[in-house]
N, C-alpha and C. Protein backbone atom coordinates (compact mmCIF):
# COMPACT_ATOMS: atom_id res chain seq x y z
N MET A 1 -10.21 -104.19 -8.94
CA MET A 1 -9.82 -103.17 -8.00
C MET A 1 -9.54 -101.89 -9.01
N LYS A 2 -9.46 -102.05 -10.20
CA LYS A 2 -9.37 -100.92 -10.99
C LYS A 2 -10.72 -100.16 -11.19
N GLU A 3 -11.70 -101.25 -11.38
CA GLU A 3 -12.95 -100.57 -11.66
C GLU A 3 -13.40 -100.06 -10.24
N ALA A 4 -13.24 -100.53 -8.97
CA ALA A 4 -13.43 -99.79 -7.85
C ALA A 4 -12.97 -98.47 -7.80
N ILE A 5 -11.65 -98.44 -8.05
CA ILE A 5 -10.88 -97.10 -8.15
C ILE A 5 -11.87 -96.07 -9.12
N LYS A 6 -12.10 -96.58 -10.12
CA LYS A 6 -12.92 -95.66 -11.11
C LYS A 6 -14.09 -95.16 -10.41
N LYS A 7 -14.91 -95.93 -9.96
CA LYS A 7 -16.05 -95.70 -9.45
C LYS A 7 -15.92 -94.82 -8.08
N LEU A 8 -15.13 -94.93 -7.30
CA LEU A 8 -14.60 -94.09 -6.13
C LEU A 8 -14.36 -92.45 -6.62
N GLU A 9 -13.42 -92.57 -7.65
CA GLU A 9 -12.96 -91.41 -8.30
C GLU A 9 -14.06 -90.57 -8.87
N SER A 10 -14.94 -91.24 -9.52
CA SER A 10 -16.24 -90.54 -9.99
C SER A 10 -17.05 -89.81 -8.99
N LYS A 11 -16.96 -90.30 -7.88
CA LYS A 11 -17.74 -89.60 -6.67
C LYS A 11 -16.85 -88.54 -5.78
N GLY A 12 -15.51 -88.50 -6.40
CA GLY A 12 -14.58 -87.61 -5.79
C GLY A 12 -13.94 -88.02 -4.64
N CYS A 13 -13.68 -89.18 -4.43
CA CYS A 13 -13.15 -89.99 -3.46
C CYS A 13 -11.78 -90.50 -4.27
N TYR A 14 -10.65 -90.61 -3.31
CA TYR A 14 -9.61 -91.32 -3.95
C TYR A 14 -8.89 -92.24 -3.10
N ILE A 15 -8.11 -93.25 -3.65
CA ILE A 15 -7.58 -94.52 -2.91
C ILE A 15 -6.09 -94.11 -3.22
N ASP A 16 -5.23 -94.37 -2.09
CA ASP A 16 -3.95 -94.25 -1.99
C ASP A 16 -3.30 -95.60 -0.94
N ASN A 17 -2.31 -95.85 -1.22
CA ASN A 17 -1.51 -96.98 -0.39
C ASN A 17 -1.46 -96.35 0.98
N GLN A 18 -1.55 -96.94 1.96
CA GLN A 18 -1.46 -96.48 3.58
C GLN A 18 -0.13 -96.22 3.51
N PHE A 19 0.15 -95.02 4.25
CA PHE A 19 1.19 -94.36 4.71
C PHE A 19 1.66 -95.16 5.82
N ASP A 20 3.24 -95.54 5.97
CA ASP A 20 3.60 -96.49 6.93
C ASP A 20 3.84 -95.40 8.25
N GLY A 21 4.02 -94.15 8.16
CA GLY A 21 4.32 -93.37 9.28
C GLY A 21 5.89 -93.20 9.27
N TRP A 22 6.57 -93.47 8.31
CA TRP A 22 8.12 -93.20 8.20
C TRP A 22 8.35 -92.66 6.76
N PHE A 23 8.87 -93.43 5.77
CA PHE A 23 9.10 -92.88 4.78
C PHE A 23 8.51 -93.64 3.51
N GLY A 24 7.43 -94.47 3.49
CA GLY A 24 7.12 -95.23 2.54
C GLY A 24 5.43 -95.68 2.82
N THR A 25 4.89 -96.62 2.20
CA THR A 25 3.61 -97.22 2.29
C THR A 25 3.48 -98.70 2.48
N PHE A 26 2.42 -99.02 2.96
CA PHE A 26 2.10 -100.48 2.87
C PHE A 26 1.44 -100.82 1.32
N PRO A 27 1.98 -101.84 0.84
CA PRO A 27 1.65 -102.19 -0.55
C PRO A 27 0.21 -102.81 -0.45
N ASP A 28 -0.07 -103.47 0.49
CA ASP A 28 -1.57 -104.25 0.74
C ASP A 28 -2.40 -103.43 1.40
N ARG A 29 -2.49 -102.34 1.80
CA ARG A 29 -3.35 -101.40 2.67
C ARG A 29 -3.50 -100.17 2.12
N PHE A 30 -4.74 -99.89 2.13
CA PHE A 30 -5.22 -98.38 1.60
C PHE A 30 -5.94 -97.52 2.38
N GLU A 31 -5.85 -96.24 1.88
CA GLU A 31 -6.75 -95.38 2.63
C GLU A 31 -7.74 -94.56 1.63
N LEU A 32 -8.72 -94.24 1.95
CA LEU A 32 -9.93 -93.60 1.15
C LEU A 32 -9.63 -92.05 1.75
N HIS A 33 -9.35 -91.21 0.78
CA HIS A 33 -9.60 -89.70 1.06
C HIS A 33 -10.29 -88.87 0.06
N LYS A 34 -10.81 -87.74 0.45
CA LYS A 34 -11.62 -86.85 -0.32
C LYS A 34 -11.10 -85.44 0.10
N GLY A 35 -10.42 -84.91 -1.08
CA GLY A 35 -9.51 -83.75 -0.87
C GLY A 35 -8.54 -84.06 0.09
N ASP A 36 -8.28 -83.10 1.20
CA ASP A 36 -7.25 -83.41 1.97
C ASP A 36 -7.79 -84.39 3.30
N GLU A 37 -8.99 -84.72 3.29
CA GLU A 37 -9.49 -85.46 4.32
C GLU A 37 -9.31 -86.95 4.36
N ILE A 38 -8.72 -87.64 5.21
CA ILE A 38 -8.69 -89.05 5.12
C ILE A 38 -10.06 -89.57 5.80
N ILE A 39 -10.81 -90.15 4.81
CA ILE A 39 -11.98 -90.69 5.44
C ILE A 39 -11.94 -91.78 6.21
N MET A 40 -11.18 -92.95 5.48
CA MET A 40 -11.04 -94.22 5.99
C MET A 40 -9.82 -94.66 5.75
N ASP A 41 -8.99 -95.30 6.47
CA ASP A 41 -7.80 -95.86 6.48
C ASP A 41 -7.62 -97.31 6.86
N ASN A 42 -6.21 -98.01 6.49
CA ASN A 42 -6.15 -99.41 6.90
C ASN A 42 -7.12 -100.36 6.15
N LEU A 43 -7.47 -99.88 5.06
CA LEU A 43 -8.52 -100.79 4.26
C LEU A 43 -7.84 -101.94 3.30
N SER A 44 -8.35 -103.11 3.34
CA SER A 44 -7.78 -104.31 2.59
C SER A 44 -8.40 -103.93 0.96
N GLU A 45 -7.99 -104.58 0.04
CA GLU A 45 -8.41 -104.62 -1.14
C GLU A 45 -9.95 -104.91 -1.34
N SER A 46 -10.35 -105.91 -0.52
CA SER A 46 -11.77 -106.53 -0.75
C SER A 46 -12.67 -105.39 0.14
N GLN A 47 -12.17 -104.56 1.15
CA GLN A 47 -12.91 -103.56 1.66
C GLN A 47 -12.88 -102.34 0.61
N VAL A 48 -12.12 -102.04 -0.13
CA VAL A 48 -12.14 -100.94 -1.18
C VAL A 48 -13.09 -101.16 -2.16
N ILE A 49 -13.00 -102.49 -2.49
CA ILE A 49 -14.26 -103.20 -3.52
C ILE A 49 -15.34 -102.87 -3.09
N SER A 50 -15.76 -103.30 -1.85
CA SER A 50 -16.97 -103.06 -1.17
C SER A 50 -17.48 -101.85 -1.01
N LEU A 51 -16.62 -100.97 -0.50
CA LEU A 51 -17.08 -99.40 -0.37
C LEU A 51 -17.41 -99.03 -1.99
N ALA A 52 -16.72 -99.21 -2.92
CA ALA A 52 -16.93 -98.68 -4.09
C ALA A 52 -18.54 -98.95 -4.60
N GLU A 53 -19.04 -100.14 -4.24
CA GLU A 53 -20.10 -100.72 -4.53
C GLU A 53 -21.23 -99.97 -3.46
N ILE A 54 -21.08 -99.71 -2.11
CA ILE A 54 -21.79 -99.14 -1.33
C ILE A 54 -21.97 -97.42 -1.65
N LEU A 55 -20.88 -96.92 -1.99
CA LEU A 55 -20.90 -95.47 -2.37
C LEU A 55 -21.45 -95.37 -3.82
C-alpha cells in the first residue's frame, strides 16, 4: 500500500481514509483526490493498489 501511495502522490493524486459523513473516517475505505476534487471514493486497499498501477 505504501508503494501505491507513493506512485499516486508522484502523479499529484492523494489517498485519504473515507470520510464517514459525521466526525471520523472508515479505517478500511479510501478516497482518491487531486487538489480539492475527489476523483473516486469508497475504495478498498486492493483497488488503490490497482489504480496506482493503471495511472
